[in-house]
N, C-alpha and C. Protein backbone atom coordinates (compact mmCIF):
# COMPACT_ATOMS: atom_id res chain seq x y z
N MET A 1 -13.70 18.30 -45.11
CA MET A 1 -13.31 18.46 -46.49
C MET A 1 -14.53 18.26 -47.32
N LEU A 2 -14.67 19.17 -48.29
CA LEU A 2 -15.78 19.20 -49.18
C LEU A 2 -15.35 18.63 -50.49
N LYS A 3 -16.00 17.56 -51.06
CA LYS A 3 -15.69 16.90 -52.16
C LYS A 3 -17.00 16.61 -53.12
N ALA A 4 -16.69 16.54 -54.28
CA ALA A 4 -17.80 16.17 -55.22
C ALA A 4 -18.28 14.77 -54.82
N PRO A 5 -19.58 14.44 -55.12
CA PRO A 5 -20.05 13.03 -54.96
C PRO A 5 -19.17 11.98 -55.59
N GLN A 6 -18.99 10.96 -54.73
CA GLN A 6 -18.13 9.80 -55.29
C GLN A 6 -18.91 8.48 -55.20
N ALA A 7 -18.29 7.44 -55.47
CA ALA A 7 -18.90 6.12 -55.28
C ALA A 7 -19.32 5.86 -53.90
N ARG A 8 -20.13 4.86 -53.81
CA ARG A 8 -20.71 4.52 -52.45
C ARG A 8 -19.64 4.13 -51.43
N GLY A 9 -18.53 3.61 -51.76
CA GLY A 9 -17.49 3.20 -50.84
C GLY A 9 -16.53 4.37 -50.45
N SER A 10 -16.93 5.58 -50.55
CA SER A 10 -16.02 6.67 -50.37
C SER A 10 -15.69 6.84 -48.82
N SER A 11 -14.79 7.76 -48.44
CA SER A 11 -14.34 7.85 -47.10
C SER A 11 -15.48 8.27 -46.17
N ALA A 12 -15.53 7.87 -44.97
CA ALA A 12 -16.56 8.19 -44.06
C ALA A 12 -16.50 9.59 -43.47
N ARG A 13 -15.40 10.27 -43.64
CA ARG A 13 -15.12 11.64 -43.11
C ARG A 13 -15.58 12.78 -44.07
N GLU A 14 -16.00 12.42 -45.21
CA GLU A 14 -16.31 13.37 -46.25
C GLU A 14 -17.75 13.93 -46.08
N LEU A 15 -17.91 15.25 -46.24
CA LEU A 15 -19.22 15.85 -46.30
C LEU A 15 -19.43 16.22 -47.73
N LEU A 16 -20.51 15.74 -48.28
CA LEU A 16 -20.85 15.98 -49.70
C LEU A 16 -21.81 17.18 -49.86
N ILE A 17 -21.57 18.01 -50.79
CA ILE A 17 -22.45 19.14 -51.10
C ILE A 17 -23.64 18.58 -51.95
N LYS A 18 -24.83 19.12 -51.73
CA LYS A 18 -26.01 18.72 -52.55
C LYS A 18 -25.73 19.39 -53.96
N SER A 19 -26.34 18.70 -54.85
CA SER A 19 -26.27 19.19 -56.25
C SER A 19 -27.09 20.50 -56.43
N GLU A 20 -28.18 20.61 -55.73
CA GLU A 20 -28.91 21.90 -55.89
C GLU A 20 -29.27 22.41 -54.48
N PRO A 21 -28.28 23.25 -53.87
CA PRO A 21 -28.54 23.69 -52.54
C PRO A 21 -29.38 24.95 -52.43
N ARG A 22 -29.76 25.56 -53.55
CA ARG A 22 -30.46 26.74 -53.51
C ARG A 22 -31.83 26.70 -52.91
N GLY A 23 -32.59 25.66 -53.13
CA GLY A 23 -33.92 25.37 -52.48
C GLY A 23 -33.77 25.21 -50.93
N TYR A 24 -32.64 24.59 -50.49
CA TYR A 24 -32.42 24.44 -48.96
C TYR A 24 -31.99 25.78 -48.47
N VAL A 25 -31.24 26.56 -49.16
CA VAL A 25 -30.77 27.87 -48.55
C VAL A 25 -31.95 28.77 -48.55
N LEU A 26 -32.84 28.77 -49.57
CA LEU A 26 -34.06 29.64 -49.52
C LEU A 26 -34.94 29.24 -48.39
N ALA A 27 -35.13 28.03 -48.20
CA ALA A 27 -36.03 27.52 -47.13
C ALA A 27 -35.35 27.77 -45.77
N GLY A 28 -33.99 27.68 -45.72
CA GLY A 28 -33.32 28.04 -44.50
C GLY A 28 -33.40 29.57 -44.24
N LEU A 29 -33.25 30.36 -45.33
CA LEU A 29 -33.38 31.79 -45.10
C LEU A 29 -34.78 32.19 -44.48
N THR A 30 -35.82 31.45 -44.98
CA THR A 30 -37.10 31.68 -44.47
C THR A 30 -37.19 31.39 -42.97
N VAL A 31 -36.63 30.15 -42.62
CA VAL A 31 -36.65 29.76 -41.25
C VAL A 31 -35.86 30.79 -40.36
N LEU A 32 -34.74 31.22 -40.82
CA LEU A 32 -33.84 32.18 -40.16
C LEU A 32 -34.67 33.49 -40.02
N GLY A 33 -35.23 33.92 -41.02
CA GLY A 33 -36.04 35.24 -40.93
C GLY A 33 -37.16 35.12 -39.99
N VAL A 34 -37.93 34.11 -40.02
CA VAL A 34 -39.08 34.04 -39.04
C VAL A 34 -38.55 33.89 -37.69
N SER A 35 -37.54 33.07 -37.42
CA SER A 35 -37.03 32.85 -36.05
C SER A 35 -36.45 34.30 -35.55
N PHE A 36 -35.72 34.97 -36.40
CA PHE A 36 -35.09 36.15 -35.91
C PHE A 36 -36.28 37.21 -35.63
N LEU A 37 -37.23 37.23 -36.44
CA LEU A 37 -38.37 38.22 -36.17
C LEU A 37 -39.00 37.89 -34.85
N VAL A 38 -39.21 36.66 -34.51
CA VAL A 38 -39.82 36.31 -33.19
C VAL A 38 -38.91 36.76 -32.25
N LEU A 39 -37.63 36.38 -32.21
CA LEU A 39 -36.64 36.84 -31.22
C LEU A 39 -36.61 38.21 -31.08
N TRP A 40 -36.51 39.01 -32.18
CA TRP A 40 -36.36 40.42 -32.16
C TRP A 40 -37.55 41.14 -31.49
N LEU A 41 -38.71 40.61 -31.73
CA LEU A 41 -39.89 41.28 -31.13
C LEU A 41 -40.16 40.93 -29.66
N SER A 42 -39.66 39.77 -29.20
CA SER A 42 -39.98 39.23 -27.94
C SER A 42 -38.86 39.02 -26.85
N PHE A 43 -37.70 38.73 -27.40
CA PHE A 43 -36.62 38.40 -26.42
C PHE A 43 -36.17 39.53 -25.55
N PRO A 44 -35.99 40.79 -25.96
CA PRO A 44 -35.66 41.84 -24.97
C PRO A 44 -36.59 41.89 -23.84
N PHE A 45 -37.84 41.79 -24.11
CA PHE A 45 -38.87 41.87 -23.04
C PHE A 45 -38.83 40.54 -22.15
N PHE A 46 -38.54 39.45 -22.71
CA PHE A 46 -38.40 38.17 -22.02
C PHE A 46 -37.17 38.26 -21.02
N LEU A 47 -35.98 38.85 -21.61
CA LEU A 47 -34.78 38.94 -20.93
C LEU A 47 -35.00 39.95 -19.73
N LEU A 48 -35.78 41.00 -19.93
CA LEU A 48 -36.14 42.04 -18.92
C LEU A 48 -36.68 41.36 -17.73
N GLU A 49 -37.80 40.40 -17.94
CA GLU A 49 -38.41 39.71 -16.89
C GLU A 49 -37.49 38.71 -16.19
N VAL A 50 -36.68 37.96 -16.97
CA VAL A 50 -35.75 37.07 -16.38
C VAL A 50 -34.65 37.81 -15.56
N MET A 51 -34.16 38.81 -16.03
CA MET A 51 -33.07 39.53 -15.33
C MET A 51 -33.75 40.17 -14.04
N SER A 52 -34.84 40.68 -14.11
CA SER A 52 -35.42 41.33 -12.87
C SER A 52 -35.83 40.20 -11.90
N SER A 53 -36.22 39.08 -12.36
CA SER A 53 -36.50 37.96 -11.42
C SER A 53 -35.11 37.45 -10.78
N LEU A 54 -34.08 37.35 -11.50
CA LEU A 54 -32.83 36.87 -10.94
C LEU A 54 -32.28 37.96 -9.99
N LEU A 55 -32.31 39.22 -10.43
CA LEU A 55 -31.83 40.21 -9.42
C LEU A 55 -32.63 40.46 -8.26
N SER A 56 -33.91 40.26 -8.32
CA SER A 56 -34.81 40.32 -7.20
C SER A 56 -34.57 39.14 -6.24
N THR A 57 -34.34 37.92 -6.81
CA THR A 57 -34.10 36.83 -6.00
C THR A 57 -32.84 36.98 -5.15
N ALA A 58 -31.80 37.71 -5.81
CA ALA A 58 -30.47 38.00 -5.15
C ALA A 58 -30.66 39.24 -4.26
N GLN A 59 -31.79 39.80 -4.08
CA GLN A 59 -32.07 40.94 -3.36
C GLN A 59 -31.35 42.16 -3.73
N ILE A 60 -31.23 42.29 -4.92
CA ILE A 60 -30.61 43.51 -5.60
C ILE A 60 -31.67 44.40 -5.96
N PRO A 61 -31.80 45.67 -5.50
CA PRO A 61 -32.89 46.60 -5.87
C PRO A 61 -32.89 46.98 -7.39
N ILE A 62 -34.03 46.75 -8.07
CA ILE A 62 -34.07 47.16 -9.50
C ILE A 62 -35.40 47.82 -9.70
N THR A 63 -35.39 48.52 -10.86
CA THR A 63 -36.68 49.14 -11.45
C THR A 63 -36.70 48.77 -12.85
N LYS A 64 -37.84 48.36 -13.31
CA LYS A 64 -37.97 48.07 -14.77
C LYS A 64 -38.59 49.35 -15.38
N THR A 65 -38.05 49.66 -16.63
CA THR A 65 -38.62 50.78 -17.32
C THR A 65 -38.67 50.39 -18.88
N LEU A 66 -39.49 51.15 -19.59
CA LEU A 66 -39.61 51.04 -21.06
C LEU A 66 -39.35 52.34 -21.62
N GLY A 67 -38.17 52.85 -21.49
CA GLY A 67 -37.80 54.11 -22.12
C GLY A 67 -37.72 54.08 -23.53
N SER A 68 -38.38 54.83 -24.31
CA SER A 68 -38.41 54.95 -25.78
C SER A 68 -38.49 53.53 -26.44
N GLY A 69 -39.25 52.69 -25.85
CA GLY A 69 -39.50 51.38 -26.44
C GLY A 69 -38.53 50.35 -26.25
N VAL A 70 -37.40 50.70 -25.49
CA VAL A 70 -36.22 49.74 -25.26
C VAL A 70 -36.46 49.41 -23.78
N PRO A 71 -36.60 48.08 -23.42
CA PRO A 71 -36.79 47.66 -22.07
C PRO A 71 -35.40 47.95 -21.34
N SER A 72 -35.50 48.50 -20.01
CA SER A 72 -34.35 48.80 -19.34
C SER A 72 -34.53 48.40 -17.82
N LEU A 73 -33.41 48.13 -17.22
CA LEU A 73 -33.36 47.81 -15.80
C LEU A 73 -32.49 48.94 -15.32
N VAL A 74 -32.96 49.50 -14.15
CA VAL A 74 -32.22 50.41 -13.37
C VAL A 74 -31.73 49.73 -12.06
N VAL A 75 -30.55 49.43 -11.92
CA VAL A 75 -30.00 48.65 -10.74
C VAL A 75 -29.41 49.66 -9.81
N THR A 76 -29.80 49.51 -8.49
CA THR A 76 -29.17 50.39 -7.49
C THR A 76 -27.94 49.63 -6.95
N LEU A 77 -26.75 50.15 -7.12
CA LEU A 77 -25.51 49.45 -6.74
C LEU A 77 -25.26 49.55 -5.23
N VAL A 78 -24.28 48.88 -4.77
CA VAL A 78 -23.92 48.84 -3.27
C VAL A 78 -23.45 50.23 -2.95
N ASP A 79 -22.82 50.97 -3.74
CA ASP A 79 -22.39 52.36 -3.39
C ASP A 79 -23.39 53.34 -3.52
N GLY A 80 -24.66 53.09 -3.77
CA GLY A 80 -25.73 53.94 -3.94
C GLY A 80 -25.94 54.54 -5.30
N SER A 81 -24.97 54.23 -6.20
CA SER A 81 -25.14 54.77 -7.61
C SER A 81 -26.14 53.90 -8.39
N TYR A 82 -26.38 54.22 -9.63
CA TYR A 82 -27.31 53.53 -10.45
C TYR A 82 -26.61 53.08 -11.72
N LEU A 83 -27.14 51.85 -12.16
CA LEU A 83 -26.61 51.31 -13.47
C LEU A 83 -28.00 51.19 -14.32
N ASN A 84 -27.89 51.97 -15.35
CA ASN A 84 -29.05 51.91 -16.29
C ASN A 84 -28.68 50.93 -17.34
N LEU A 85 -29.36 49.85 -17.43
CA LEU A 85 -29.05 48.70 -18.32
C LEU A 85 -30.13 48.58 -19.34
N ALA A 86 -29.85 49.30 -20.51
CA ALA A 86 -30.83 49.21 -21.63
C ALA A 86 -30.65 47.99 -22.32
N LEU A 87 -31.69 47.21 -22.56
CA LEU A 87 -31.59 45.82 -23.24
C LEU A 87 -31.74 46.00 -24.74
N THR A 88 -30.79 46.55 -25.25
CA THR A 88 -30.74 46.71 -26.83
C THR A 88 -30.48 45.39 -27.46
N TRP A 89 -30.82 45.35 -28.79
CA TRP A 89 -30.64 44.10 -29.50
C TRP A 89 -29.19 43.60 -29.52
N GLN A 90 -28.22 44.61 -29.34
CA GLN A 90 -26.85 44.16 -29.35
C GLN A 90 -26.59 43.55 -27.91
N ARG A 91 -27.03 44.14 -26.94
CA ARG A 91 -26.73 43.69 -25.44
C ARG A 91 -27.51 42.41 -25.21
N CYS A 92 -28.62 42.18 -25.90
CA CYS A 92 -29.36 40.94 -25.68
C CYS A 92 -28.81 39.68 -26.34
N GLY A 93 -27.82 39.89 -27.19
CA GLY A 93 -27.22 38.75 -27.81
C GLY A 93 -27.90 38.44 -29.26
N LEU A 94 -28.74 39.32 -29.71
CA LEU A 94 -29.36 39.07 -30.94
C LEU A 94 -28.44 39.36 -32.09
N VAL A 95 -27.27 40.10 -31.97
CA VAL A 95 -26.31 40.26 -32.96
C VAL A 95 -25.49 39.01 -33.20
N SER A 96 -25.09 38.29 -32.06
CA SER A 96 -24.22 37.09 -32.22
C SER A 96 -25.10 35.90 -32.74
N VAL A 97 -26.47 35.90 -32.37
CA VAL A 97 -27.36 34.95 -32.93
C VAL A 97 -27.50 35.09 -34.42
N THR A 98 -27.56 36.32 -34.85
CA THR A 98 -27.82 36.62 -36.26
C THR A 98 -26.60 36.21 -36.96
N VAL A 99 -25.44 36.47 -36.54
CA VAL A 99 -24.17 36.12 -37.31
C VAL A 99 -24.07 34.59 -37.24
N PHE A 100 -24.50 33.91 -36.18
CA PHE A 100 -24.52 32.44 -36.14
C PHE A 100 -25.51 31.96 -37.17
N GLY A 101 -26.64 32.51 -37.19
CA GLY A 101 -27.70 31.99 -38.24
C GLY A 101 -27.18 32.12 -39.59
N LEU A 102 -26.58 33.32 -39.91
CA LEU A 102 -26.07 33.53 -41.36
C LEU A 102 -25.04 32.60 -41.69
N LEU A 103 -24.09 32.48 -40.80
CA LEU A 103 -22.98 31.38 -41.03
C LEU A 103 -23.65 30.01 -41.21
N PHE A 104 -24.52 29.70 -40.39
CA PHE A 104 -25.20 28.40 -40.39
C PHE A 104 -25.93 28.29 -41.68
N LEU A 105 -26.65 29.28 -42.18
CA LEU A 105 -27.36 29.26 -43.44
C LEU A 105 -26.53 28.92 -44.66
N PHE A 106 -25.45 29.68 -44.72
CA PHE A 106 -24.63 29.55 -45.98
C PHE A 106 -23.62 28.45 -45.94
N LEU A 107 -23.25 27.88 -44.65
CA LEU A 107 -22.28 26.86 -44.65
C LEU A 107 -22.87 25.55 -44.31
N MET A 108 -24.03 25.45 -43.71
CA MET A 108 -24.61 24.16 -43.23
C MET A 108 -25.80 23.66 -44.10
N TYR A 109 -26.61 24.57 -44.54
CA TYR A 109 -27.75 24.06 -45.37
C TYR A 109 -27.30 23.50 -46.64
N PRO A 110 -26.22 23.95 -47.36
CA PRO A 110 -25.82 23.16 -48.57
C PRO A 110 -25.23 21.74 -48.37
N LEU A 111 -24.92 21.40 -47.16
CA LEU A 111 -24.49 20.14 -46.93
C LEU A 111 -25.58 19.08 -46.90
N ARG A 112 -25.10 17.81 -47.22
CA ARG A 112 -26.10 16.76 -47.13
C ARG A 112 -26.60 16.52 -45.79
N GLY A 113 -27.94 16.14 -45.69
CA GLY A 113 -28.54 15.77 -44.33
C GLY A 113 -29.91 16.34 -44.38
N SER A 114 -30.62 15.83 -43.29
CA SER A 114 -32.05 16.12 -43.14
C SER A 114 -32.30 17.67 -42.98
N PHE A 115 -33.28 18.18 -43.74
CA PHE A 115 -33.57 19.65 -43.59
C PHE A 115 -34.04 19.90 -42.17
N TRP A 116 -34.86 19.03 -41.63
CA TRP A 116 -35.51 19.12 -40.31
C TRP A 116 -34.53 19.08 -39.31
N LEU A 117 -33.51 18.17 -39.43
CA LEU A 117 -32.46 18.18 -38.40
C LEU A 117 -31.58 19.50 -38.45
N LYS A 118 -31.46 20.09 -39.57
CA LYS A 118 -30.71 21.41 -39.59
C LYS A 118 -31.52 22.50 -38.97
N VAL A 119 -32.82 22.41 -39.24
CA VAL A 119 -33.77 23.47 -38.57
C VAL A 119 -33.69 23.30 -37.00
N ALA A 120 -33.70 22.05 -36.63
CA ALA A 120 -33.65 21.82 -35.18
C ALA A 120 -32.28 22.36 -34.56
N TRP A 121 -31.21 22.11 -35.34
CA TRP A 121 -29.93 22.45 -34.83
C TRP A 121 -29.81 24.08 -34.90
N LEU A 122 -30.46 24.77 -35.82
CA LEU A 122 -30.38 26.09 -35.90
C LEU A 122 -31.13 26.71 -34.74
N GLU A 123 -32.30 26.14 -34.40
CA GLU A 123 -33.12 26.76 -33.32
C GLU A 123 -32.41 26.45 -32.02
N LEU A 124 -31.80 25.26 -31.82
CA LEU A 124 -31.12 24.97 -30.59
C LEU A 124 -29.90 25.89 -30.56
N GLY A 125 -29.21 26.22 -31.64
CA GLY A 125 -28.11 27.17 -31.50
C GLY A 125 -28.64 28.56 -31.10
N PHE A 126 -29.74 29.01 -31.52
CA PHE A 126 -30.33 30.42 -31.05
C PHE A 126 -30.60 30.20 -29.64
N LEU A 127 -31.16 29.16 -29.19
CA LEU A 127 -31.56 29.02 -27.73
C LEU A 127 -30.20 29.10 -26.86
N ILE A 128 -29.24 28.30 -27.26
CA ILE A 128 -28.01 28.27 -26.48
C ILE A 128 -27.33 29.69 -26.51
N GLY A 129 -27.32 30.29 -27.68
CA GLY A 129 -26.67 31.62 -27.75
C GLY A 129 -27.35 32.66 -26.94
N LEU A 130 -28.62 32.59 -26.87
CA LEU A 130 -29.39 33.56 -26.03
C LEU A 130 -29.20 33.33 -24.58
N CYS A 131 -29.04 32.00 -24.14
CA CYS A 131 -28.74 31.67 -22.82
C CYS A 131 -27.42 32.09 -22.32
N TRP A 132 -26.41 32.03 -23.29
CA TRP A 132 -25.08 32.53 -23.04
C TRP A 132 -25.08 33.98 -22.80
N SER A 133 -25.93 34.69 -23.60
CA SER A 133 -25.99 36.08 -23.48
C SER A 133 -26.69 36.56 -22.01
N LEU A 134 -27.62 35.74 -21.63
CA LEU A 134 -28.19 35.96 -20.34
C LEU A 134 -27.16 35.70 -19.24
N ILE A 135 -26.36 34.71 -19.38
CA ILE A 135 -25.21 34.46 -18.39
C ILE A 135 -24.31 35.58 -18.39
N ARG A 136 -23.86 36.06 -19.58
CA ARG A 136 -22.86 37.09 -19.68
C ARG A 136 -23.40 38.41 -19.13
N LEU A 137 -24.68 38.73 -19.36
CA LEU A 137 -25.26 40.00 -18.88
C LEU A 137 -25.50 39.93 -17.30
N SER A 138 -25.87 38.69 -16.92
CA SER A 138 -26.02 38.56 -15.45
C SER A 138 -24.69 38.66 -14.65
N LEU A 139 -23.62 38.14 -15.18
CA LEU A 139 -22.30 38.14 -14.62
C LEU A 139 -21.82 39.66 -14.62
N ALA A 140 -21.95 40.36 -15.72
CA ALA A 140 -21.54 41.79 -15.77
C ALA A 140 -22.35 42.66 -14.72
N THR A 141 -23.65 42.39 -14.60
CA THR A 141 -24.56 43.08 -13.68
C THR A 141 -24.13 42.81 -12.30
N LEU A 142 -23.93 41.59 -11.97
CA LEU A 142 -23.57 41.30 -10.59
C LEU A 142 -22.21 41.80 -10.20
N ILE A 143 -21.13 41.87 -11.09
CA ILE A 143 -19.91 42.33 -10.79
C ILE A 143 -20.09 43.76 -10.64
N SER A 144 -20.80 44.47 -11.51
CA SER A 144 -20.97 45.90 -11.37
C SER A 144 -21.68 46.32 -10.04
N TYR A 145 -22.60 45.44 -9.58
CA TYR A 145 -23.30 45.64 -8.29
C TYR A 145 -22.42 45.84 -7.15
N PHE A 146 -21.26 45.07 -7.13
CA PHE A 146 -20.32 45.10 -5.98
C PHE A 146 -19.24 46.07 -6.33
N VAL A 147 -18.73 46.16 -7.58
CA VAL A 147 -17.59 47.00 -7.83
C VAL A 147 -17.86 48.39 -8.18
N GLY A 148 -18.98 48.61 -8.95
CA GLY A 148 -19.32 49.96 -9.46
C GLY A 148 -19.81 49.94 -10.91
N ALA A 149 -20.40 50.95 -11.29
CA ALA A 149 -21.01 51.08 -12.74
C ALA A 149 -19.92 50.89 -13.71
N GLY A 150 -18.72 51.41 -13.44
CA GLY A 150 -17.69 51.38 -14.50
C GLY A 150 -17.23 50.04 -14.78
N ALA A 151 -17.44 49.08 -13.92
CA ALA A 151 -17.00 47.66 -14.12
C ALA A 151 -17.90 47.02 -15.09
N PHE A 152 -19.12 47.48 -15.30
CA PHE A 152 -20.06 46.83 -16.24
C PHE A 152 -19.49 46.80 -17.59
N ALA A 153 -19.10 47.91 -18.11
CA ALA A 153 -18.61 48.04 -19.51
C ALA A 153 -17.40 47.15 -19.78
N VAL A 154 -16.52 47.13 -18.72
CA VAL A 154 -15.29 46.33 -18.91
C VAL A 154 -15.62 44.84 -18.86
N VAL A 155 -16.49 44.33 -17.93
CA VAL A 155 -16.85 42.88 -17.92
C VAL A 155 -17.72 42.57 -19.17
N GLU A 156 -18.56 43.43 -19.64
CA GLU A 156 -19.33 43.14 -20.85
C GLU A 156 -18.36 43.03 -21.99
N PHE A 157 -17.45 43.93 -22.09
CA PHE A 157 -16.46 43.90 -23.31
C PHE A 157 -15.59 42.70 -23.28
N LEU A 158 -15.15 42.32 -22.15
CA LEU A 158 -14.19 41.14 -22.01
C LEU A 158 -14.90 39.79 -22.16
N THR A 159 -16.15 39.70 -21.65
CA THR A 159 -16.83 38.36 -21.67
C THR A 159 -17.55 38.25 -22.94
N GLY A 160 -17.92 39.28 -23.77
CA GLY A 160 -18.61 39.17 -24.93
C GLY A 160 -17.97 38.21 -25.99
N PRO A 161 -16.83 38.59 -26.38
CA PRO A 161 -16.29 37.73 -27.49
C PRO A 161 -15.96 36.29 -26.92
N PHE A 162 -15.51 36.14 -25.75
CA PHE A 162 -15.33 34.74 -25.17
C PHE A 162 -16.51 33.82 -25.25
N THR A 163 -17.59 34.37 -24.65
CA THR A 163 -18.83 33.66 -24.72
C THR A 163 -19.35 33.27 -26.03
N ASP A 164 -19.28 34.23 -26.94
CA ASP A 164 -19.77 34.15 -28.29
C ASP A 164 -18.97 33.01 -28.98
N ILE A 165 -17.58 33.08 -28.95
CA ILE A 165 -16.66 32.06 -29.54
C ILE A 165 -17.00 30.75 -28.99
N PHE A 166 -17.10 30.67 -27.69
CA PHE A 166 -17.35 29.41 -27.06
C PHE A 166 -18.54 28.63 -27.45
N TRP A 167 -19.69 29.37 -27.48
CA TRP A 167 -20.99 28.63 -27.77
C TRP A 167 -21.06 28.39 -29.38
N VAL A 168 -20.59 29.29 -30.17
CA VAL A 168 -20.59 29.14 -31.65
C VAL A 168 -19.72 27.97 -32.02
N VAL A 169 -18.57 27.81 -31.53
CA VAL A 169 -17.70 26.71 -31.87
C VAL A 169 -18.23 25.49 -31.39
N ALA A 170 -18.65 25.38 -30.19
CA ALA A 170 -19.27 24.13 -29.66
C ALA A 170 -20.56 23.78 -30.47
N MET A 171 -21.36 24.69 -30.80
CA MET A 171 -22.57 24.26 -31.59
C MET A 171 -22.19 23.84 -32.90
N TRP A 172 -21.23 24.42 -33.48
CA TRP A 172 -20.79 24.16 -34.86
C TRP A 172 -20.13 22.79 -34.94
N SER A 173 -19.40 22.33 -33.90
CA SER A 173 -18.80 21.05 -33.83
C SER A 173 -19.83 19.98 -33.70
N LEU A 174 -20.83 20.25 -32.89
CA LEU A 174 -21.83 19.26 -32.58
C LEU A 174 -22.74 19.07 -33.83
N MET A 175 -23.05 20.12 -34.51
CA MET A 175 -23.82 20.06 -35.73
C MET A 175 -23.06 19.29 -36.78
N LEU A 176 -21.84 19.58 -37.11
CA LEU A 176 -21.13 18.87 -38.11
C LEU A 176 -20.94 17.38 -37.81
N SER A 177 -20.74 17.00 -36.48
CA SER A 177 -20.55 15.56 -36.20
C SER A 177 -21.84 14.87 -36.28
N THR A 178 -23.03 15.57 -36.02
CA THR A 178 -24.33 14.91 -36.10
C THR A 178 -24.66 14.68 -37.58
N LEU A 179 -24.40 15.69 -38.47
CA LEU A 179 -24.64 15.53 -39.87
C LEU A 179 -23.84 14.43 -40.51
N THR A 180 -22.52 14.30 -40.07
CA THR A 180 -21.61 13.41 -40.54
C THR A 180 -21.98 11.98 -40.11
N SER A 181 -22.23 11.89 -38.85
CA SER A 181 -22.62 10.53 -38.33
C SER A 181 -23.96 10.03 -38.88
N ARG A 182 -24.94 10.91 -39.05
CA ARG A 182 -26.27 10.52 -39.63
C ARG A 182 -26.07 10.02 -41.07
N ARG A 183 -25.25 10.69 -41.75
CA ARG A 183 -24.95 10.41 -43.21
C ARG A 183 -24.18 9.05 -43.27
N ASN A 184 -23.26 8.82 -42.37
CA ASN A 184 -22.50 7.58 -42.49
C ASN A 184 -23.12 6.49 -41.68
N GLY A 185 -24.11 6.73 -40.82
CA GLY A 185 -24.51 5.67 -39.88
C GLY A 185 -25.60 4.75 -40.53
């Protein structure tokens, strides 16, 4: 519940809005922009290396390519067909991380609490969101390896919203409880 500032003895469950949140939102926007720029430039290539290592460890034949600047994996499936896995920014999880960051920026930064604690939670949220994307992509690739290339799109479509909702809600709950407990503690 958001309320205007009250006397010192107010309820322990209230989150108070700062009187001037603009500075925090601008600082948060800067942090969000720098973080997203770093992720956008490096994460697809990092994901390419991690996925190729995971699949090679599982003895699944792969080929890494950089077609038109987008890193890709070509996976040879059990039936002999190929799965061309282009690691676009949507597939890498950068869209869900961006939505999380924007929601975080406009809903969490105006709340009372340490600016650096909020930055740490934002970055931790990015890390967890990208890890969930890696898990989702690995699962879809593994299932398509045994079932066929058509299964990849189905598994990716069905697991995408579930994993995104799961990590966003979990992170949101942890962040709110941390900010509330630090304010009241």
